[in-house]
PDB file of N, CA and C in Angstrom:
ATOM      1  N   MET A   1     -40.551 122.158 -16.476  1.00  0.00           N
ATOM      2  CA  MET A   1     -41.628 121.626 -15.150  1.00  0.00           C
ATOM      3  C   MET A   1     -40.856 121.463 -13.552  1.00  0.00           C
ATOM      4  N   GLU A   2     -41.391 122.413 -12.938  1.00  0.00           N
ATOM      5  CA  GLU A   2     -40.827 121.893 -11.732  1.00  0.00           C
ATOM      6  C   GLU A   2     -41.039 120.752 -10.796  1.00  0.00           C
ATOM      7  N   ILE A   3     -40.013 120.483  -9.901  1.00  0.00           N
ATOM      8  CA  ILE A   3     -40.177 119.001  -9.153  1.00  0.00           C
ATOM      9  C   ILE A   3     -41.629 118.927  -8.606  1.00  0.00           C
ATOM     10  N   ALA A   4     -41.627 120.031  -7.670  1.00  0.00           N
ATOM     11  CA  ALA A   4     -43.061 120.205  -6.914  1.00  0.00           C
ATOM     12  C   ALA A   4     -44.207 119.885  -7.712  1.00  0.00           C
ATOM     13  N   ALA A   5     -44.256 120.614  -8.909  1.00  0.00           N
ATOM     14  CA  ALA A   5     -45.306 120.447 -10.055  1.00  0.00           C
ATOM     15  C   ALA A   5     -45.265 119.161 -10.528  1.00  0.00           C
ATOM     16  N   PHE A   6     -44.491 118.638 -10.824  1.00  0.00           N
ATOM     17  CA  PHE A   6     -44.207 117.476 -11.116  1.00  0.00           C
ATOM     18  C   PHE A   6     -45.009 116.092 -10.449  1.00  0.00           C
ATOM     19  N   GLN A   7     -44.370 116.278  -9.330  1.00  0.00           N
ATOM     20  CA  GLN A   7     -45.164 115.440  -8.187  1.00  0.00           C
ATOM     21  C   GLN A   7     -46.476 115.352  -7.979  1.00  0.00           C
ATOM     22  N   GLU A   8     -46.878 116.884  -7.474  1.00  0.00           N
ATOM     23  CA  GLU A   8     -48.436 116.950  -7.815  1.00  0.00           C
ATOM     24  C   GLU A   8     -49.006 116.212  -9.114  1.00  0.00           C
ATOM     25  N   LEU A   9     -48.569 116.724 -10.269  1.00  0.00           N
ATOM     26  CA  LEU A   9     -49.166 115.712 -11.490  1.00  0.00           C
ATOM     27  C   LEU A   9     -49.360 114.012 -11.459  1.00  0.00           C
ATOM     28  N   MET A  10     -48.302 113.575 -11.033  1.00  0.00           N
ATOM     29  CA  MET A  10     -48.191 112.679 -10.667  1.00  0.00           C
ATOM     30  C   MET A  10     -49.425 111.903  -9.512  1.00  0.00           C
ATOM     31  N   GLU A  11     -49.893 112.554  -8.661  1.00  0.00           N
ATOM     32  CA  GLU A  11     -50.826 112.181  -7.656  1.00  0.00           C
ATOM     33  C   GLU A  11     -51.806 112.462  -8.114  1.00  0.00           C
ATOM     34  N   THR A  12     -52.179 113.719  -8.975  1.00  0.00           N
ATOM     35  CA  THR A  12     -53.477 113.706  -9.745  1.00  0.00           C
ATOM     36  C   THR A  12     -53.576 112.651 -10.851  1.00  0.00           C
ATOM     37  N   LEU A  13     -52.823 112.335 -11.450  1.00  0.00           N
ATOM     38  CA  LEU A  13     -52.952 111.005 -12.932  1.00  0.00           C
ATOM     39  C   LEU A  13     -53.201 110.320 -12.184  1.00  0.00           C
ATOM     40  N   TYR A  14     -51.965 109.479 -11.164  1.00  0.00           N
ATOM     41  CA  TYR A  14     -51.881 108.029 -10.553  1.00  0.00           C
ATOM     42  C   TYR A  14     -51.909 108.033  -9.036  1.00  0.00           C
ATOM     43  N   GLY A  15     -52.311 108.916  -8.105  1.00  0.00           N
ATOM     44  CA  GLY A  15     -52.426 108.648  -6.687  1.00  0.00           C
ATOM     45  C   GLY A  15     -53.194 107.453  -6.178  1.00  0.00           C
ATOM     46  N   GLU A  16     -54.472 107.699  -6.363  1.00  0.00           N
ATOM     47  CA  GLU A  16     -55.193 106.587  -6.179  1.00  0.00           C
ATOM     48  C   GLU A  16     -54.890 105.647  -6.276  1.00  0.00           C
ATOM     49  N   GLY A  17     -54.381 105.310  -7.757  1.00  0.00           N
ATOM     50  CA  GLY A  17     -54.361 103.558  -8.162  1.00  0.00           C
ATOM     51  C   GLY A  17     -52.819 103.095  -7.360  1.00  0.00           C
ATOM     52  N   ASP A  18     -51.972 104.276  -7.331  1.00  0.00           N
ATOM     53  CA  ASP A  18     -50.229 103.776  -7.022  1.00  0.00           C
ATOM     54  C   ASP A  18     -50.667 103.214  -5.064  1.00  0.00           C
ATOM     55  N   ARG A  19     -51.164 104.029  -4.309  1.00  0.00           N
ATOM     56  CA  ARG A  19     -51.461 104.078  -3.183  1.00  0.00           C
ATOM     57  C   ARG A  19     -52.409 102.299  -2.634  1.00  0.00           C
ATOM     58  N   GLU A  20     -53.251 102.501  -3.663  1.00  0.00           N
ATOM     59  CA  GLU A  20     -53.998 100.972  -3.540  1.00  0.00           C
ATOM     60  C   GLU A  20     -52.806  99.922  -4.036  1.00  0.00           C
ATOM     61  N   ARG A  21     -51.735 100.278  -4.952  1.00  0.00           N
ATOM     62  CA  ARG A  21     -51.174  98.913  -5.285  1.00  0.00           C
ATOM     63  C   ARG A  21     -50.051  98.679  -4.159  1.00  0.00           C
ATOM     64  N   GLY A  22     -49.551  99.981  -3.126  1.00  0.00           N
ATOM     65  CA  GLY A  22     -48.891 100.080  -2.427  1.00  0.00           C
ATOM     66  C   GLY A  22     -47.340 100.387  -2.369  1.00  0.00           C
ATOM     67  N   MET A  23     -46.833 100.406  -1.359  1.00  0.00           N
ATOM     68  CA  MET A  23     -45.342 101.142  -1.618  1.00  0.00           C
ATOM     69  C   MET A  23     -44.028  99.589  -1.739  1.00  0.00           C
ATOM     70  N   PRO A  24     -44.318  98.571  -1.457  1.00  0.00           N
ATOM     71  CA  PRO A  24     -43.887  97.449  -2.077  1.00  0.00           C
ATOM     72  C   PRO A  24     -43.855  97.135  -3.469  1.00  0.00           C
ATOM     73  N   SER A  25     -44.689  97.821  -3.965  1.00  0.00           N
ATOM     74  CA  SER A  25     -45.337  97.202  -5.553  1.00  0.00           C
ATOM     75  C   SER A  25     -44.144  98.579  -6.300  1.00  0.00           C
ATOM     76  N   THR A  26     -44.825  99.539  -5.639  1.00  0.00           N
ATOM     77  CA  THR A  26     -44.141 100.995  -6.213  1.00  0.00           C
ATOM     78  C   THR A  26     -42.676 100.565  -6.431  1.00  0.00           C
ATOM     79  N   VAL A  27     -42.126 100.334  -5.202  1.00  0.00           N
ATOM     80  CA  VAL A  27     -40.878 100.208  -5.396  1.00  0.00           C
ATOM     81  C   VAL A  27     -40.222  99.217  -5.989  1.00  0.00           C
ATOM     82  N   ALA A  28     -40.812  98.213  -6.296  1.00  0.00           N
ATOM     83  CA  ALA A  28     -40.325  97.061  -7.254  1.00  0.00           C
ATOM     84  C   ALA A  28     -40.787  97.669  -8.984  1.00  0.00           C
ATOM     85  N   TRP A  29     -41.635  98.731  -9.339  1.00  0.00           N
ATOM     86  CA  TRP A  29     -41.564  99.267 -10.215  1.00  0.00           C
ATOM     87  C   TRP A  29     -40.665 100.365 -10.607  1.00  0.00           C
ATOM     88  N   LEU A  30     -40.182 100.649  -9.336  1.00  0.00           N
ATOM     89  CA  LEU A  30     -39.508 102.014  -9.696  1.00  0.00           C
ATOM     90  C   LEU A  30     -37.802 101.227 -10.175  1.00  0.00           C
ATOM     91  N   ALA A  31     -37.842  99.942  -9.037  1.00  0.00           N
ATOM     92  CA  ALA A  31     -36.634  99.614  -9.523  1.00  0.00           C
ATOM     93  C   ALA A  31     -36.388  98.881 -10.728  1.00  0.00           C
ATOM     94  N   GLU A  32     -37.306  98.323 -11.179  1.00  0.00           N
ATOM     95  CA  GLU A  32     -37.607  98.045 -12.896  1.00  0.00           C
ATOM     96  C   GLU A  32     -37.347  99.032 -13.681  1.00  0.00           C
ATOM     97  N   GLU A  33     -37.876  99.885 -13.725  1.00  0.00           N
ATOM     98  CA  GLU A  33     -37.597 101.249 -14.350  1.00  0.00           C
ATOM     99  C   GLU A  33     -36.325 102.003 -14.428  1.00  0.00           C
ATOM    100  N   VAL A  34     -35.506 101.674 -13.029  1.00  0.00           N
ATOM    101  CA  VAL A  34     -34.050 102.160 -13.170  1.00  0.00           C
ATOM    102  C   VAL A  34     -33.331 101.095 -14.412  1.00  0.00           C
ATOM    103  N   GLY A  35     -33.507  99.832 -14.182  1.00  0.00           N
ATOM    104  CA  GLY A  35     -32.962  98.951 -14.728  1.00  0.00           C
ATOM    105  C   GLY A  35     -32.992  99.141 -16.408  1.00  0.00           C
ATOM    106  N   GLU A  36     -34.354  99.544 -16.797  1.00  0.00           N
ATOM    107  CA  GLU A  36     -34.655 100.178 -18.215  1.00  0.00           C
ATOM    108  C   GLU A  36     -34.263 101.118 -18.637  1.00  0.00           C
ATOM    109  N   LEU A  37     -33.776 101.835 -17.492  1.00  0.00           N
ATOM    110  CA  LEU A  37     -32.978 103.604 -18.242  1.00  0.00           C
ATOM    111  C   LEU A  37     -31.583 102.658 -18.134  1.00  0.00           C
ATOM    112  N   ALA A  38     -30.948 101.884 -17.504  1.00  0.00           N
ATOM    113  CA  ALA A  38     -29.399 101.522 -17.723  1.00  0.00           C
ATOM    114  C   ALA A  38     -29.384 100.759 -19.099  1.00  0.00           C
ATOM    115  N   GLN A  39     -30.032 100.064 -19.233  1.00  0.00           N
ATOM    116  CA  GLN A  39     -30.035  99.404 -20.699  1.00  0.00           C
ATOM    117  C   GLN A  39     -30.162 100.608 -21.578  1.00  0.00           C
ATOM    118  N   ALA A  40     -31.160 101.506 -21.443  1.00  0.00           N
ATOM    119  CA  ALA A  40     -31.045 102.245 -22.371  1.00  0.00           C
ATOM    120  C   ALA A  40     -29.923 103.337 -22.629  1.00  0.00           C
ATOM    121  N   VAL A  41     -29.430 103.704 -21.511  1.00  0.00           N
ATOM    122  CA  VAL A  41     -28.068 104.348 -21.360  1.00  0.00           C
ATOM    123  C   VAL A  41     -26.970 103.625 -22.266  1.00  0.00           C
ATOM    124  N   ARG A  42     -27.056 102.207 -21.939  1.00  0.00           N
ATOM    125  CA  ARG A  42     -26.234 101.191 -22.383  1.00  0.00           C
ATOM    126  C   ARG A  42     -26.181 101.241 -23.940  1.00  0.00           C
ATOM    127  N   LYS A  43     -27.309 101.022 -24.429  1.00  0.00           N
ATOM    128  CA  LYS A  43     -27.883 100.658 -25.813  1.00  0.00           C
ATOM    129  C   LYS A  43     -28.619 101.290 -26.506  1.00  0.00           C
ATOM    130  N   GLY A  44     -29.448 102.265 -26.004  1.00  0.00           N
ATOM    131  CA  GLY A  44     -30.469 102.821 -25.792  1.00  0.00           C
ATOM    132  C   GLY A  44     -30.356 104.082 -27.131  1.00  0.00           C
ATOM    133  N   THR A  45     -31.149 104.807 -27.682  1.00  0.00           N
ATOM    134  CA  THR A  45     -31.213 106.160 -28.317  1.00  0.00           C
ATOM    135  C   THR A  45     -31.589 107.236 -27.022  1.00  0.00           C
ATOM    136  N   ARG A  46     -31.226 108.356 -27.604  1.00  0.00           N
ATOM    137  CA  ARG A  46     -31.359 109.551 -27.281  1.00  0.00           C
ATOM    138  C   ARG A  46     -32.851 109.888 -26.376  1.00  0.00           C
ATOM    139  N   GLU A  47     -33.747 109.736 -27.482  1.00  0.00           N
ATOM    140  CA  GLU A  47     -35.415 109.258 -27.170  1.00  0.00           C
ATOM    141  C   GLU A  47     -35.546 108.409 -26.309  1.00  0.00           C
ATOM    142  N   GLN A  48     -34.828 107.262 -26.125  1.00  0.00           N
ATOM    143  CA  GLN A  48     -35.342 106.055 -25.210  1.00  0.00           C
ATOM    144  C   GLN A  48     -34.942 106.441 -23.879  1.00  0.00           C
ATOM    145  N   GLN A  49     -33.592 106.980 -24.002  1.00  0.00           N
ATOM    146  CA  GLN A  49     -33.286 107.499 -22.426  1.00  0.00           C
ATOM    147  C   GLN A  49     -34.104 108.642 -22.073  1.00  0.00           C
ATOM    148  N   LEU A  50     -34.355 109.767 -22.445  1.00  0.00           N
ATOM    149  CA  LEU A  50     -35.541 110.395 -22.012  1.00  0.00           C
ATOM    150  C   LEU A  50     -36.600 110.032 -21.362  1.00  0.00           C
ATOM    151  N   TRP A  51     -37.409 108.589 -22.303  1.00  0.00           N
ATOM    152  CA  TRP A  51     -38.324 107.856 -22.233  1.00  0.00           C
ATOM    153  C   TRP A  51     -38.195 107.512 -20.176  1.00  0.00           C
ATOM    154  N   GLU A  52     -37.082 106.782 -20.409  1.00  0.00           N
ATOM    155  CA  GLU A  52     -37.024 106.007 -19.245  1.00  0.00           C
ATOM    156  C   GLU A  52     -36.268 107.215 -18.326  1.00  0.00           C
ATOM    157  N   LEU A  53     -35.638 108.086 -18.351  1.00  0.00           N
ATOM    158  CA  LEU A  53     -35.695 109.123 -17.316  1.00  0.00           C
ATOM    159  C   LEU A  53     -37.331 109.292 -16.692  1.00  0.00           C
ATOM    160  N   GLY A  54     -38.125 109.881 -17.766  1.00  0.00           N
ATOM    161  CA  GLY A  54     -39.754 110.194 -17.352  1.00  0.00           C
ATOM    162  C   GLY A  54     -39.742 108.958 -16.344  1.00  0.00           C
ATOM    163  N   ASP A  55     -39.841 107.559 -16.795  1.00  0.00           N
ATOM    164  CA  ASP A  55     -40.848 106.736 -16.177  1.00  0.00           C
ATOM    165  C   ASP A  55     -39.740 106.709 -14.949  1.00  0.00           C
ATOM    166  N   VAL A  56     -38.726 106.972 -14.569  1.00  0.00           N
ATOM    167  CA  VAL A  56     -38.149 106.287 -13.087  1.00  0.00           C
ATOM    168  C   VAL A  56     -38.221 107.878 -12.606  1.00  0.00           C
ATOM    169  N   LEU A  57     -38.787 109.456 -13.253  1.00  0.00           N
ATOM    170  CA  LEU A  57     -39.028 110.094 -12.743  1.00  0.00           C
ATOM    171  C   LEU A  57     -40.703 110.171 -11.769  1.00  0.00           C
ATOM    172  N   ALA A  58     -41.155 109.491 -12.593  1.00  0.00           N
ATOM    173  CA  ALA A  58     -42.555 109.452 -12.508  1.00  0.00           C
ATOM    174  C   ALA A  58     -42.825 108.725 -11.340  1.00  0.00           C
ATOM    175  N   TRP A  59     -42.332 107.125 -11.152  1.00  0.00           N
ATOM    176  CA  TRP A  59     -42.111 106.277  -9.701  1.00  0.00           C
ATOM    177  C   TRP A  59     -41.278 107.031  -8.882  1.00  0.00           C
ATOM    178  N   LEU A  60     -40.257 107.207  -8.847  1.00  0.00           N
ATOM    179  CA  LEU A  60     -40.072 108.356  -7.592  1.00  0.00           C
ATOM    180  C   LEU A  60     -40.753 109.015  -6.981  1.00  0.00           C
ATOM    181  N   SER A  61     -41.940 109.957  -7.893  1.00  0.00           N
ATOM    182  CA  SER A  61     -42.604 111.036  -7.607  1.00  0.00           C
ATOM    183  C   SER A  61     -43.504 109.814  -6.893  1.00  0.00           C
ATOM    184  N   SER A  62     -44.609 109.082  -7.408  1.00  0.00           N
ATOM    185  CA  SER A  62     -45.088 108.280  -7.178  1.00  0.00           C
ATOM    186  C   SER A  62     -45.031 107.779  -5.199  1.00  0.00           C
ATOM    187  N   LEU A  63     -43.607 107.128  -5.167  1.00  0.00           N
ATOM    188  CA  LEU A  63     -42.970 106.696  -3.794  1.00  0.00           C
ATOM    189  C   LEU A  63     -43.273 108.096  -2.722  1.00  0.00           C
ATOM    190  N   ALA A  64     -42.706 108.930  -3.346  1.00  0.00           N
ATOM    191  CA  ALA A  64     -42.376 110.129  -2.565  1.00  0.00           C
ATOM    192  C   ALA A  64     -44.203 110.801  -1.866  1.00  0.00           C
ATOM    193  N   ASN A  65     -45.233 110.634  -2.884  1.00  0.00           N
ATOM    194  CA  ASN A  65     -46.097 110.729  -2.156  1.00  0.00           C
ATOM    195  C   ASN A  65     -46.694 109.802  -1.623  1.00  0.00           C
ATOM    196  N   GLN A  66     -46.502 108.723  -1.712  1.00  0.00           N
ATOM    197  CA  GLN A  66     -46.712 107.615  -0.929  1.00  0.00           C
ATOM    198  C   GLN A  66     -46.346 107.692   0.533  1.00  0.00           C
ATOM    199  N   LEU A  67     -45.050 108.053   0.232  1.00  0.00           N
ATOM    200  CA  LEU A  67     -44.502 108.299   1.696  1.00  0.00           C
ATOM    201  C   LEU A  67     -44.686 109.867   2.538  1.00  0.00           C
ATOM    202  N   ASP A  68     -45.784 110.551   1.783  1.00  0.00           N
ATOM    203  CA  ASP A  68     -45.621 112.165   2.135  1.00  0.00           C
ATOM    204  C   ASP A  68     -44.350 112.944   2.487  1.00  0.00           C
ATOM    205  N   LEU A  69     -43.779 112.956   1.279  1.00  0.00           N
ATOM    206  CA  LEU A  69     -42.447 113.294   1.554  1.00  0.00           C
ATOM    207  C   LEU A  69     -42.649 114.057   0.493  1.00  0.00           C
ATOM    208  N   SER A  70     -41.508 115.325   0.096  1.00  0.00           N
ATOM    209  CA  SER A  70     -41.496 116.234  -0.791  1.00  0.00           C
ATOM    210  C   SER A  70     -40.113 116.114  -1.831  1.00  0.00           C
ATOM    211  N   LEU A  71     -40.189 115.747  -2.710  1.00  0.00           N
ATOM    212  CA  LEU A  71     -39.113 115.807  -3.657  1.00  0.00           C
ATOM    213  C   LEU A  71     -38.111 116.759  -3.880  1.00  0.00           C
ATOM    214  N   GLU A  72     -38.935 118.263  -3.856  1.00  0.00           N
ATOM    215  CA  GLU A  72     -38.175 119.071  -4.072  1.00  0.00           C
ATOM    216  C   GLU A  72     -37.328 119.426  -2.461  1.00  0.00           C
ATOM    217  N   GLU A  73     -37.862 119.146  -1.540  1.00  0.00           N
ATOM    218  CA  GLU A  73     -37.274 119.241   0.066  1.00  0.00           C
ATOM    219  C   GLU A  73     -36.059 118.230  -0.371  1.00  0.00           C
ATOM    220  N   ALA A  74     -36.157 117.004  -0.470  1.00  0.00           N
ATOM    221  CA  ALA A  74     -35.450 116.133  -0.864  1.00  0.00           C
ATOM    222  C   ALA A  74     -33.970 116.676  -1.970  1.00  0.00           C
ATOM    223  N   ALA A  75     -34.373 117.435  -2.707  1.00  0.00           N
ATOM    224  CA  ALA A  75     -33.092 117.708  -3.344  1.00  0.00           C
ATOM    225  C   ALA A  75     -32.534 118.957  -3.383  1.00  0.00           C
ATOM    226  N   GLN A  76     -33.414 119.593  -2.194  1.00  0.00           N
ATOM    227  CA  GLN A  76     -32.887 120.823  -1.655  1.00  0.00           C
ATOM    228  C   GLN A  76     -31.599 120.428  -0.327  1.00  0.00           C
ATOM    229  N   ARG A  77     -31.462 119.264   0.070  1.00  0.00           N
ATOM    230  CA  ARG A  77     -30.170 119.049   0.301  1.00  0.00           C
ATOM    231  C   ARG A  77     -28.967 119.348  -0.240  1.00  0.00           C
ATOM    232  N   TYR A  78     -29.060 118.854  -1.750  1.00  0.00           N
ATOM    233  CA  TYR A  78     -27.717 119.233  -2.201  1.00  0.00           C
ATOM    234  C   TYR A  78     -27.953 120.540  -2.615  1.00  0.00           C
ATOM    235  N   VAL A  79     -28.777 121.544  -2.104  1.00  0.00           N
ATOM    236  CA  VAL A  79     -28.087 122.822  -2.624  1.00  0.00           C
ATOM    237  C   VAL A  79     -27.742 122.998  -1.017  1.00  0.00           C
ATOM    238  N   ASP A  80     -28.080 122.979  -0.179  1.00  0.00           N
ATOM    239  CA  ASP A  80     -27.773 123.364   1.470  1.00  0.00           C
ATOM    240  C   ASP A  80     -26.651 122.497   2.103  1.00  0.00           C
ATOM    241  N   ASN A  81     -26.447 121.510   1.382  1.00  0.00           N
ATOM    242  CA  ASN A  81     -25.584 120.645   2.444  1.00  0.00           C
ATOM    243  C   ASN A  81     -24.733 119.482   1.314  1.00  0.00           C
ATOM    244  N   PRO A  82     -24.459 119.945  -0.118  1.00  0.00           N
ATOM    245  CA  PRO A  82     -24.068 118.836  -0.620  1.00  0.00           C
ATOM    246  C   PRO A  82     -22.705 117.426  -0.428  1.00  0.00           C
ATOM    247  N   PRO A  83     -23.206 116.503  -0.166  1.00  0.00           N
ATOM    248  CA  PRO A  83     -22.493 115.418   0.507  1.00  0.00           C
ATOM    249  C   PRO A  83     -21.278 115.354  -0.565  1.00  0.00           C
ATOM    250  N   VAL A  84     -20.163 115.316  -0.233  1.00  0.00           N
ATOM    251  CA  VAL A  84     -18.592 115.581  -0.877  1.00  0.00           C
ATOM    252  C   VAL A  84     -17.737 114.072  -0.494  1.00  0.00           C
TER     253      VAL A  84
END
């Protein structure tokens, strides 16, 4: 699945509820999921790592949607002018 399609899917599935929850809560959920990913990387199985990567991507998409920003555009920076 392409990044833009995934971001749109997250908008369709969760956009209204995510906006009602608000950006501060979304950032908190994203941070929590990053912590769970870190734990899965340290001690988890491949399946758990994939699960947590998906959760991080979903919450990152939610935040991007609330900011009205494109993850695809954000990623393009690494194609056009990657930091070194």
